[in-house]
Amino acid sequence: SGGGLVQPGGSLRLSCAGFRSIFGPVIMGWYRQTPGKQ
């Protein structure tokens, strides 16, 4: 959550929530995808 429309130079804070079993010992990452790209 936390996405939206922002002007160039602006700021946003994204959040990601899940189960403890996912977050436990693992490394977590943020990824992004644009149309036509991996």
PDB file of all heavy atoms in Angstrom:
ATOM      1  N   SER A   1       0.838  -1.193   0.000  1.00  0.00           N
ATOM      2  CA  SER A   1       0.000   0.000   0.000  1.00  0.00           C
ATOM      3  C   SER A   1       0.876   1.247   0.000  1.00  0.00           C
ATOM      4  O   SER A   1       2.088   1.154   0.204  1.00  0.00           O
ATOM      5  CB  SER A   1      -0.929   0.002   1.227  1.00  0.00           C
ATOM      6  OG  SER A   1      -0.163   0.027   2.426  1.00  0.00           O
ATOM      7  N   GLY A   2       0.246   2.385  -0.223  1.00  0.00           N
ATOM      8  CA  GLY A   2       0.949   3.656  -0.134  1.00  0.00           C
ATOM      9  C   GLY A   2       1.277   4.312  -1.461  1.00  0.00           C
ATOM     10  O   GLY A   2       1.814   5.422  -1.479  1.00  0.00           O
ATOM     11  N   GLY A   3       0.982   3.651  -2.557  1.00  0.00           N
ATOM     12  CA  GLY A   3       1.259   4.246  -3.854  1.00  0.00           C
ATOM     13  C   GLY A   3       0.314   5.380  -4.177  1.00  0.00           C
ATOM     14  O   GLY A   3      -0.619   5.670  -3.422  1.00  0.00           O
ATOM     15  N   GLY A   4       0.562   6.031  -5.300  1.00  0.00           N
ATOM     16  CA  GLY A   4      -0.298   7.124  -5.717  1.00  0.00           C
ATOM     17  C   GLY A   4       0.351   7.963  -6.784  1.00  0.00           C
ATOM     18  O   GLY A   4       1.394   7.588  -7.351  1.00  0.00           O
ATOM     19  N   LEU A   5      -0.257   9.099  -7.042  1.00  0.00           N
ATOM     20  CA  LEU A   5       0.247  10.053  -8.028  1.00  0.00           C
ATOM     21  C   LEU A   5       1.022  11.143  -7.305  1.00  0.00           C
ATOM     22  O   LEU A   5       0.509  11.739  -6.341  1.00  0.00           O
ATOM     23  CB  LEU A   5      -0.916  10.666  -8.801  1.00  0.00           C
ATOM     24  CG  LEU A   5      -0.584  11.795  -9.773  1.00  0.00           C
ATOM     25  CD1 LEU A   5       0.332  11.300 -10.895  1.00  0.00           C
ATOM     26  CD2 LEU A   5      -1.858  12.399 -10.338  1.00  0.00           C
ATOM     27  N   VAL A   6       2.231  11.403  -7.768  1.00  0.00           N
ATOM     28  CA  VAL A   6       3.065  12.413  -7.133  1.00  0.00           C
ATOM     29  C   VAL A   6       3.812  13.180  -8.219  1.00  0.00           C
ATOM     30  O   VAL A   6       4.117  12.628  -9.278  1.00  0.00           O
ATOM     31  CB  VAL A   6       4.040  11.755  -6.127  1.00  0.00           C
ATOM     32  CG1 VAL A   6       4.995  10.796  -6.826  1.00  0.00           C
ATOM     33  CG2 VAL A   6       4.789  12.781  -5.322  1.00  0.00           C
ATOM     34  N   GLN A   7       4.100  14.434  -7.943  1.00  0.00           N
ATOM     35  CA  GLN A   7       4.844  15.241  -8.904  1.00  0.00           C
ATOM     36  C   GLN A   7       6.329  14.918  -8.845  1.00  0.00           C
ATOM     37  O   GLN A   7       6.829  14.449  -7.812  1.00  0.00           O
ATOM     38  CB  GLN A   7       4.631  16.721  -8.616  1.00  0.00           C
ATOM     39  CG  GLN A   7       3.222  17.199  -8.874  1.00  0.00           C
ATOM     40  CD  GLN A   7       3.094  18.707  -8.725  1.00  0.00           C
ATOM     41  OE1 GLN A   7       3.918  19.359  -8.093  1.00  0.00           O
ATOM     42  NE2 GLN A   7       2.046  19.265  -9.320  1.00  0.00           N
ATOM     43  N   PRO A   8       7.051  15.169  -9.930  1.00  0.00           N
ATOM     44  CA  PRO A   8       8.508  14.967  -9.891  1.00  0.00           C
ATOM     45  C   PRO A   8       9.127  15.737  -8.729  1.00  0.00           C
ATOM     46  O   PRO A   8       8.761  16.880  -8.455  1.00  0.00           O
ATOM     47  CB  PRO A   8       8.962  15.523 -11.240  1.00  0.00           C
ATOM     48  CG  PRO A   8       7.789  15.308 -12.132  1.00  0.00           C
ATOM     49  CD  PRO A   8       6.584  15.558 -11.268  1.00  0.00           C
ATOM     50  N   GLY A   9      10.038  15.066  -8.044  1.00  0.00           N
ATOM     51  CA  GLY A   9      10.661  15.646  -6.866  1.00  0.00           C
ATOM     52  C   GLY A   9       9.939  15.331  -5.576  1.00  0.00           C
ATOM     53  O   GLY A   9      10.451  15.622  -4.488  1.00  0.00           O
ATOM     54  N   GLY A  10       8.765  14.725  -5.681  1.00  0.00           N
ATOM     55  CA  GLY A  10       7.970  14.411  -4.503  1.00  0.00           C
ATOM     56  C   GLY A  10       8.404  13.131  -3.809  1.00  0.00           C
ATOM     57  O   GLY A  10       9.378  12.488  -4.210  1.00  0.00           O
ATOM     58  N   SER A  11       7.649  12.783  -2.771  1.00  0.00           N
ATOM     59  CA  SER A  11       7.986  11.635  -1.937  1.00  0.00           C
ATOM     60  C   SER A  11       6.756  10.774  -1.682  1.00  0.00           C
ATOM     61  O   SER A  11       5.617  11.264  -1.710  1.00  0.00           O
ATOM     62  CB  SER A  11       8.544  12.098  -0.588  1.00  0.00           C
ATOM     63  OG  SER A  11       9.710  12.868  -0.752  1.00  0.00           O
ATOM     64  N   LEU A  12       7.012   9.502  -1.438  1.00  0.00           N
ATOM     65  CA  LEU A  12       5.974   8.565  -1.026  1.00  0.00           C
ATOM     66  C   LEU A  12       6.586   7.559  -0.064  1.00  0.00           C
ATOM     67  O   LEU A  12       7.800   7.313  -0.104  1.00  0.00           O
ATOM     68  CB  LEU A  12       5.401   7.800  -2.225  1.00  0.00           C
ATOM     69  CG  LEU A  12       4.416   8.514  -3.148  1.00  0.00           C
ATOM     70  CD1 LEU A  12       4.115   7.629  -4.356  1.00  0.00           C
ATOM     71  CD2 LEU A  12       3.136   8.880  -2.422  1.00  0.00           C
ATOM     72  N   ARG A  13       5.746   6.974   0.771  1.00  0.00           N
ATOM     73  CA  ARG A  13       6.174   5.865   1.597  1.00  0.00           C
ATOM     74  C   ARG A  13       5.280   4.673   1.329  1.00  0.00           C
ATOM     75  O   ARG A  13       4.058   4.735   1.535  1.00  0.00           O
ATOM     76  CB  ARG A  13       6.117   6.203   3.094  1.00  0.00           C
ATOM     77  CG  ARG A  13       6.753   5.096   3.953  1.00  0.00           C
ATOM     78  CD  ARG A  13       6.606   5.335   5.431  1.00  0.00           C
ATOM     79  NE  ARG A  13       5.275   4.952   5.910  1.00  0.00           N
ATOM     80  CZ  ARG A  13       4.998   4.676   7.179  1.00  0.00           C
ATOM     81  NH1 ARG A  13       5.948   4.748   8.089  1.00  0.00           N
ATOM     82  NH2 ARG A  13       3.776   4.350   7.539  1.00  0.00           N
ATOM     83  N   LEU A  14       5.890   3.592   0.889  1.00  0.00           N
ATOM     84  CA  LEU A  14       5.167   2.351   0.629  1.00  0.00           C
ATOM     85  C   LEU A  14       5.277   1.434   1.841  1.00  0.00           C
ATOM     86  O   LEU A  14       6.294   1.429   2.537  1.00  0.00           O
ATOM     87  CB  LEU A  14       5.730   1.647  -0.598  1.00  0.00           C
ATOM     88  CG  LEU A  14       5.836   2.470  -1.881  1.00  0.00           C
ATOM     89  CD1 LEU A  14       6.351   1.596  -3.018  1.00  0.00           C
ATOM     90  CD2 LEU A  14       4.519   3.117  -2.234  1.00  0.00           C
ATOM     91  N   SER A  15       4.216   0.662   2.063  1.00  0.00           N
ATOM     92  CA  SER A  15       4.202  -0.302   3.152  1.00  0.00           C
ATOM     93  C   SER A  15       3.866  -1.678   2.604  1.00  0.00           C
ATOM     94  O   SER A  15       3.134  -1.807   1.618  1.00  0.00           O
ATOM     95  CB  SER A  15       3.154   0.081   4.199  1.00  0.00           C
ATOM     96  OG  SER A  15       3.427   1.335   4.764  1.00  0.00           O
ATOM     97  N   CYS A  16       4.370  -2.688   3.268  1.00  0.00           N
ATOM     98  CA  CYS A  16       4.112  -4.074   2.878  1.00  0.00           C
ATOM     99  C   CYS A  16       3.909  -4.873   4.154  1.00  0.00           C
ATOM    100  O   CYS A  16       4.806  -4.913   5.011  1.00  0.00           O
ATOM    101  CB  CYS A  16       5.274  -4.622   2.079  1.00  0.00           C
ATOM    102  SG  CYS A  16       5.206  -6.405   1.796  1.00  0.00           S
ATOM    103  N   ALA A  17       2.749  -5.488   4.278  1.00  0.00           N
ATOM    104  CA  ALA A  17       2.435  -6.258   5.474  1.00  0.00           C
ATOM    105  C   ALA A  17       2.157  -7.706   5.099  1.00  0.00           C
ATOM    106  O   ALA A  17       1.642  -7.991   4.019  1.00  0.00           O
ATOM    107  CB  ALA A  17       1.230  -5.662   6.183  1.00  0.00           C
ATOM    108  N   GLY A  18       2.506  -8.605   6.004  1.00  0.00           N
ATOM    109  CA  GLY A  18       2.277 -10.012   5.729  1.00  0.00           C
ATOM    110  C   GLY A  18       2.328 -10.843   6.984  1.00  0.00           C
ATOM    111  O   GLY A  18       2.380 -10.323   8.100  1.00  0.00           O
ATOM    112  N   PHE A  19       2.343 -12.130   6.788  1.00  0.00           N
ATOM    113  CA  PHE A  19       2.354 -13.048   7.912  1.00  0.00           C
ATOM    114  C   PHE A  19       3.761 -13.201   8.481  1.00  0.00           C
ATOM    115  O   PHE A  19       4.747 -13.112   7.774  1.00  0.00           O
ATOM    116  CB  PHE A  19       1.824 -14.418   7.476  1.00  0.00           C
ATOM    117  CG  PHE A  19       0.393 -14.392   7.039  1.00  0.00           C
ATOM    118  CD1 PHE A  19       0.073 -14.532   5.694  1.00  0.00           C
ATOM    119  CD2 PHE A  19      -0.632 -14.217   7.946  1.00  0.00           C
ATOM    120  CE1 PHE A  19      -1.248 -14.503   5.268  1.00  0.00           C
ATOM    121  CE2 PHE A  19      -1.957 -14.182   7.531  1.00  0.00           C
ATOM    122  CZ  PHE A  19      -2.253 -14.328   6.190  1.00  0.00           C
ATOM    123  N   ARG A  20       3.819 -13.493   9.762  1.00  0.00           N
ATOM    124  CA  ARG A  20       5.095 -13.692  10.442  1.00  0.00           C
ATOM    125  C   ARG A  20       5.908 -14.784   9.774  1.00  0.00           C
ATOM    126  O   ARG A  20       7.140 -14.701   9.693  1.00  0.00           O
ATOM    127  CB  ARG A  20       4.862 -14.055  11.908  1.00  0.00           C
ATOM    128  CG  ARG A  20       6.133 -14.215  12.730  1.00  0.00           C
ATOM    129  CD  ARG A  20       5.797 -14.749  14.121  1.00  0.00           C
ATOM    130  NE  ARG A  20       4.873 -13.866  14.802  1.00  0.00           N
ATOM    131  CZ  ARG A  20       5.259 -12.824  15.518  1.00  0.00           C
ATOM    132  NH1 ARG A  20       6.539 -12.539  15.643  1.00  0.00           N
ATOM    133  NH2 ARG A  20       4.371 -12.078  16.133  1.00  0.00           N
ATOM    134  N   SER A  21       5.220 -15.807   9.253  1.00  0.00           N
ATOM    135  CA  SER A  21       5.926 -16.932   8.645  1.00  0.00           C
ATOM    136  C   SER A  21       6.709 -16.509   7.413  1.00  0.00           C
ATOM    137  O   SER A  21       7.673 -17.158   7.021  1.00  0.00           O
ATOM    138  CB  SER A  21       4.936 -18.040   8.272  1.00  0.00           C
ATOM    139  OG  SER A  21       3.967 -17.556   7.369  1.00  0.00           O
ATOM    140  N   ILE A  22       6.271 -15.422   6.790  1.00  0.00           N
ATOM    141  CA  ILE A  22       6.985 -14.927   5.610  1.00  0.00           C
ATOM    142  C   ILE A  22       8.169 -14.081   6.032  1.00  0.00           C
ATOM    143  O   ILE A  22       9.266 -14.207   5.510  1.00  0.00           O
ATOM    144  CB  ILE A  22       6.046 -14.100   4.715  1.00  0.00           C
ATOM    145  CG1 ILE A  22       4.934 -14.977   4.167  1.00  0.00           C
ATOM    146  CG2 ILE A  22       6.829 -13.422   3.590  1.00  0.00           C
ATOM    147  CD1 ILE A  22       3.892 -14.209   3.382  1.00  0.00           C
ATOM    148  N   PHE A  23       7.960 -13.203   6.993  1.00  0.00           N
ATOM    149  CA  PHE A  23       8.981 -12.235   7.346  1.00  0.00           C
ATOM    150  C   PHE A  23      10.095 -12.820   8.186  1.00  0.00           C
ATOM    151  O   PHE A  23      11.194 -12.269   8.202  1.00  0.00           O
ATOM    152  CB  PHE A  23       8.357 -11.060   8.103  1.00  0.00           C
ATOM    153  CG  PHE A  23       7.648 -10.095   7.194  1.00  0.00           C
ATOM    154  CD1 PHE A  23       6.376 -10.340   6.746  1.00  0.00           C
ATOM    155  CD2 PHE A  23       8.288  -8.940   6.778  1.00  0.00           C
ATOM    156  CE1 PHE A  23       5.726  -9.457   5.900  1.00  0.00           C
ATOM    157  CE2 PHE A  23       7.643  -8.040   5.929  1.00  0.00           C
ATOM    158  CZ  PHE A  23       6.363  -8.303   5.498  1.00  0.00           C
ATOM    159  N   GLY A  24       9.794 -13.882   8.905  1.00  0.00           N
ATOM    160  CA  GLY A  24      10.700 -14.451   9.891  1.00  0.00           C
ATOM    161  C   GLY A  24      12.172 -14.200   9.657  1.00  0.00           C
ATOM    162  O   GLY A  24      12.685 -13.120   9.888  1.00  0.00           O
ATOM    163  N   PRO A  25      12.877 -15.200   9.155  1.00  0.00           N
ATOM    164  CA  PRO A  25      14.327 -15.061   9.046  1.00  0.00           C
ATOM    165  C   PRO A  25      14.797 -14.524   7.709  1.00  0.00           C
ATOM    166  O   PRO A  25      15.989 -14.388   7.475  1.00  0.00           O
ATOM    167  CB  PRO A  25      14.798 -16.507   9.222  1.00  0.00           C
ATOM    168  CG  PRO A  25      13.704 -17.313   8.595  1.00  0.00           C
ATOM    169  CD  PRO A  25      12.413 -16.547   8.868  1.00  0.00           C
ATOM    170  N   VAL A  26      13.862 -14.184   6.817  1.00  0.00           N
ATOM    171  CA  VAL A  26      14.282 -13.948   5.440  1.00  0.00           C
ATOM    172  C   VAL A  26      14.676 -12.511   5.166  1.00  0.00           C
ATOM    173  O   VAL A  26      14.295 -11.580   5.885  1.00  0.00           O
ATOM    174  CB  VAL A  26      13.163 -14.349   4.458  1.00  0.00           C
ATOM    175  CG1 VAL A  26      12.823 -15.807   4.609  1.00  0.00           C
ATOM    176  CG2 VAL A  26      11.944 -13.460   4.623  1.00  0.00           C
ATOM    177  N   ILE A  27      15.443 -12.358   4.102  1.00  0.00           N
ATOM    178  CA  ILE A  27      15.694 -11.049   3.534  1.00  0.00           C
ATOM    179  C   ILE A  27      14.435 -10.634   2.776  1.00  0.00           C
ATOM    180  O   ILE A  27      13.840 -11.427   2.050  1.00  0.00           O
ATOM    181  CB  ILE A  27      16.894 -11.087   2.576  1.00  0.00           C
ATOM    182  CG1 ILE A  27      18.154 -11.517   3.322  1.00  0.00           C
ATOM    183  CG2 ILE A  27      17.096  -9.730   1.903  1.00  0.00           C
ATOM    184  CD1 ILE A  27      19.345 -11.776   2.414  1.00  0.00           C
ATOM    185  N   MET A  28      14.015  -9.396   2.944  1.00  0.00           N
ATOM    186  CA  MET A  28      12.850  -8.873   2.240  1.00  0.00           C
ATOM    187  C   MET A  28      13.295  -7.847   1.211  1.00  0.00           C
ATOM    188  O   MET A  28      14.311  -7.152   1.402  1.00  0.00           O
ATOM    189  CB  MET A  28      11.870  -8.235   3.208  1.00  0.00           C
ATOM    190  CG  MET A  28      11.229  -9.210   4.181  1.00  0.00           C
ATOM    191  SD  MET A  28      10.240 -10.481   3.353  1.00  0.00           S
ATOM    192  CE  MET A  28       8.951  -9.494   2.576  1.00  0.00           C
ATOM    193  N   GLY A  29      12.545  -7.767   0.139  1.00  0.00           N
ATOM    194  CA  GLY A  29      12.914  -6.834  -0.917  1.00  0.00           C
ATOM    195  C   GLY A  29      11.708  -6.110  -1.485  1.00  0.00           C
ATOM    196  O   GLY A  29      10.578  -6.579  -1.374  1.00  0.00           O
ATOM    197  N   TRP A  30      11.974  -4.949  -2.056  1.00  0.00           N
ATOM    198  CA  TRP A  30      10.991  -4.233  -2.847  1.00  0.00           C
ATOM    199  C   TRP A  30      11.399  -4.364  -4.313  1.00  0.00           C
ATOM    200  O   TRP A  30      12.586  -4.228  -4.657  1.00  0.00           O
ATOM    201  CB  TRP A  30      10.932  -2.759  -2.459  1.00  0.00           C
ATOM    202  CG  TRP A  30      10.099  -2.490  -1.250  1.00  0.00           C
ATOM    203  CD1 TRP A  30      10.529  -2.337   0.032  1.00  0.00           C
ATOM    204  CD2 TRP A  30       8.678  -2.339  -1.210  1.00  0.00           C
ATOM    205  NE1 TRP A  30       9.464  -2.109   0.864  1.00  0.00           N
ATOM    206  CE2 TRP A  30       8.317  -2.104   0.127  1.00  0.00           C
ATOM    207  CE3 TRP A  30       7.662  -2.385  -2.172  1.00  0.00           C
ATOM    208  CZ2 TRP A  30       6.998  -1.914   0.540  1.00  0.00           C
ATOM    209  CZ3 TRP A  30       6.356  -2.198  -1.776  1.00  0.00           C
ATOM    210  CH2 TRP A  30       6.024  -1.962  -0.439  1.00  0.00           C
ATOM    211  N   TYR A  31      10.408  -4.614  -5.149  1.00  0.00           N
ATOM    212  CA  TYR A  31      10.609  -4.793  -6.579  1.00  0.00           C
ATOM    213  C   TYR A  31       9.679  -3.821  -7.315  1.00  0.00           C
ATOM    214  O   TYR A  31       8.706  -3.336  -6.742  1.00  0.00           O
ATOM    215  CB  TYR A  31      10.253  -6.218  -6.995  1.00  0.00           C
ATOM    216  CG  TYR A  31      11.007  -7.302  -6.274  1.00  0.00           C
ATOM    217  CD1 TYR A  31      10.694  -7.664  -4.968  1.00  0.00           C
ATOM    218  CD2 TYR A  31      12.066  -7.973  -6.903  1.00  0.00           C
ATOM    219  CE1 TYR A  31      11.391  -8.655  -4.302  1.00  0.00           C
ATOM    220  CE2 TYR A  31      12.767  -8.968  -6.246  1.00  0.00           C
ATOM    221  CZ  TYR A  31      12.420  -9.303  -4.947  1.00  0.00           C
ATOM    222  OH  TYR A  31      13.122 -10.290  -4.299  1.00  0.00           O
ATOM    223  N   ARG A  32       9.973  -3.590  -8.577  1.00  0.00           N
ATOM    224  CA  ARG A  32       9.052  -2.794  -9.368  1.00  0.00           C
ATOM    225  C   ARG A  32       8.996  -3.326 -10.786  1.00  0.00           C
ATOM    226  O   ARG A  32       9.939  -3.972 -11.266  1.00  0.00           O
ATOM    227  CB  ARG A  32       9.439  -1.313  -9.361  1.00  0.00           C
ATOM    228  CG  ARG A  32      10.687  -0.947 -10.110  1.00  0.00           C
ATOM    229  CD  ARG A  32      10.996   0.537  -9.908  1.00  0.00           C
ATOM    230  NE  ARG A  32      12.082   1.010 -10.750  1.00  0.00           N
ATOM    231  CZ  ARG A  32      12.632   2.214 -10.646  1.00  0.00           C
ATOM    232  NH1 ARG A  32      12.203   3.080  -9.716  1.00  0.00           N
ATOM    233  NH2 ARG A  32      13.606   2.582 -11.461  1.00  0.00           N
ATOM    234  N   GLN A  33       7.875  -3.023 -11.435  1.00  0.00           N
ATOM    235  CA  GLN A  33       7.666  -3.498 -12.790  1.00  0.00           C
ATOM    236  C   GLN A  33       6.918  -2.454 -13.597  1.00  0.00           C
ATOM    237  O   GLN A  33       5.932  -1.884 -13.131  1.00  0.00           O
ATOM    238  CB  GLN A  33       6.879  -4.816 -12.787  1.00  0.00           C
ATOM    239  CG  GLN A  33       6.752  -5.462 -14.155  1.00  0.00           C
ATOM    240  CD  GLN A  33       6.156  -6.857 -14.078  1.00  0.00           C
ATOM    241  OE1 GLN A  33       5.405  -7.178 -13.137  1.00  0.00           O
ATOM    242  NE2 GLN A  33       6.468  -7.700 -15.043  1.00  0.00           N
ATOM    243  N   THR A  34       7.412  -2.217 -14.811  1.00  0.00           N
ATOM    244  CA  THR A  34       6.727  -1.346 -15.766  1.00  0.00           C
ATOM    245  C   THR A  34       6.249  -2.199 -16.927  1.00  0.00           C
ATOM    246  O   THR A  34       6.801  -3.282 -17.179  1.00  0.00           O
ATOM    247  CB  THR A  34       7.642  -0.221 -16.266  1.00  0.00           C
ATOM    248  OG1 THR A  34       8.834  -0.817 -16.819  1.00  0.00           O
ATOM    249  CG2 THR A  34       8.039   0.699 -15.129  1.00  0.00           C
ATOM    250  N   PRO A  35       5.237  -1.740 -17.648  1.00  0.00           N
ATOM    251  CA  PRO A  35       4.698  -2.531 -18.764  1.00  0.00           C
ATOM    252  C   PRO A  35       5.777  -2.928 -19.766  1.00  0.00           C
ATOM    253  O   PRO A  35       6.594  -2.095 -20.173  1.00  0.00           O
ATOM    254  CB  PRO A  35       3.673  -1.585 -19.398  1.00  0.00           C
ATOM    255  CG  PRO A  35       3.240  -0.723 -18.270  1.00  0.00           C
ATOM    256  CD  PRO A  35       4.470  -0.510 -17.439  1.00  0.00           C
ATOM    257  N   GLY A  36       5.792  -4.184 -20.113  1.00  0.00           N
ATOM    258  CA  GLY A  36       6.736  -4.673 -21.104  1.00  0.00           C
ATOM    259  C   GLY A  36       8.104  -5.007 -20.565  1.00  0.00           C
ATOM    260  O   GLY A  36       8.982  -5.449 -21.316  1.00  0.00           O
ATOM    261  N   LYS A  37       8.305  -4.801 -19.282  1.00  0.00           N
ATOM    262  CA  LYS A  37       9.613  -5.089 -18.682  1.00  0.00           C
ATOM    263  C   LYS A  37       9.481  -6.120 -17.575  1.00  0.00           C
ATOM    264  O   LYS A  37       8.418  -6.288 -16.994  1.00  0.00           O
ATOM    265  CB  LYS A  37      10.237  -3.806 -18.134  1.00  0.00           C
ATOM    266  CG  LYS A  37      10.630  -2.798 -19.194  1.00  0.00           C
ATOM    267  CD  LYS A  37      11.410  -1.648 -18.574  1.00  0.00           C
ATOM    268  CE  LYS A  37      11.876  -0.661 -19.626  1.00  0.00           C
ATOM    269  NZ  LYS A  37      12.666   0.451 -19.037  1.00  0.00           N
ATOM    270  N   GLN A  38      10.586  -6.764 -17.288  1.00  0.00           N
ATOM    271  CA  GLN A  38      10.598  -7.731 -16.194  1.00  0.00           C
ATOM    272  C   GLN A  38      10.600  -7.011 -14.848  1.00  0.00           C
ATOM    273  O   GLN A  38      11.092  -5.885 -14.724  1.00  0.00           O
ATOM    274  CB  GLN A  38      11.844  -8.618 -16.293  1.00  0.00           C
ATOM    275  CG  GLN A  38      11.782  -9.643 -17.409  1.00  0.00           C
ATOM    276  CD  GLN A  38      12.880 -10.676 -17.292  1.00  0.00           C
ATOM    277  OE1 GLN A  38      13.935 -10.407 -16.742  1.00  0.00           O
ATOM    278  NE2 GLN A  38      12.629 -11.859 -17.808  1.00  0.00           N
TER     279      GLN A  38
END
